Amino acid sequence: MTYPISNAFHFIGLCLAGAVLSACVSLTPDQVYPLGATQSVDPSLIADLDAPLESTIRTAKSGEVILRQLVQSVAVMVLENTVTPTGDVSLAVQARSVELTEGLTFYPAVSVGKENALVACSFDRPAEWTPRLNPGAKGSGKVCFVLEKIAGKIDLSKVAQDLGARSSSVFFFVSDNIGVSAASGPYQKLFRWDPQLTYEVSEPARFRAIESTVSEKSGMPNIALRFLSTEDGAQIKPVYLSGDQPVPIQADPVVIKADQAFPTRIKYDGAEIEILALKEGVLAYRILSGFATGAAFVMDLPESTIPVPAASR
């Protein structure tokens, strides 16, 4: 028997209600979500069906993760030419400046709110600002270039394609980890507090996709399945893992009854798990396949603080 989980985290054909997520004033910012994609599953996690059954069985206690798979930004884009704003980027209450130099790296994201768009956001913080009433409280921030405006639904199967070479003449400012010294990685939501303000550059900024590398700075997360024991049996729940902290995903869990027939199989976005037994809060299982590789989805992950135990063999 197979139990599919309804998948909300991919947001394929995403239709976001403007009344809920639109931002016309700075009190309600537009939100910018990085685009991620699953990497290939670790082959050592997949059960060898030709091997003796006993050698392929894994066990998990409640709260443990039974499958995890790395997630990476769908692309890394490098700025090929140095550009400058055509006008003043400062505000009445804040002096601002920005250096958009050749070699600056960006990652794809979707800006959601008053106007939806595919954008390229900087890994670093090239913008600096100084409050006019408190010059000592200087800060820095990221910028995003508008690559393509999106009308209606956001179809991630389309917007995340053809990122090899893009150009843009318009950018805007965004905020990430306010009060945190290091810039956030390409997995956390950004805030656009002045969505009505965009700025033009001296010539179109040209972007080229380059090979993405995993770095400690990026805080590469995982998409995972987590086992939770319940009074009536158990649940298998999809989660993100930022470091080792589980972040719930808006998807229905698989419900497993303690008195149901075993073995049984469950599926979630390409991942297939064979449940062999459930007894006294312990799950016996085998991983038959990992999550689908390369599918694009929106991401919003916090920093890691809480460890989660891994399931054992």
Foldseek 3Di string as FASTA:
>chain_A
DEAEWDADQFCAQPFDDQVVQADPALVRWWKKFFKKWWAFFDVVQAADPVDPPVVQKFKFFAQAFSGKTWMDFLFKKWWQAWWAFPDQPADPFKHKGFTRHGGFIWTWIWTDHNWIAIKTKTQFFRMKMAGPVGRVPIDTFIKIFGFGTDPGTDRQVPSSPDPAKTKGFKMATWHFPVPDDHGAASFAMITGSNVVDMTGIPDITMIGTDDDDDDPRRQTKIWTWGWHADPFFIWIAIFIQRPADTHHGPMDIDDDGQPDDDFDWYDYQFWIKTWGHTDPRMTMIGTNGDHDGTRMGTHHDDHDDDHTHHTGD
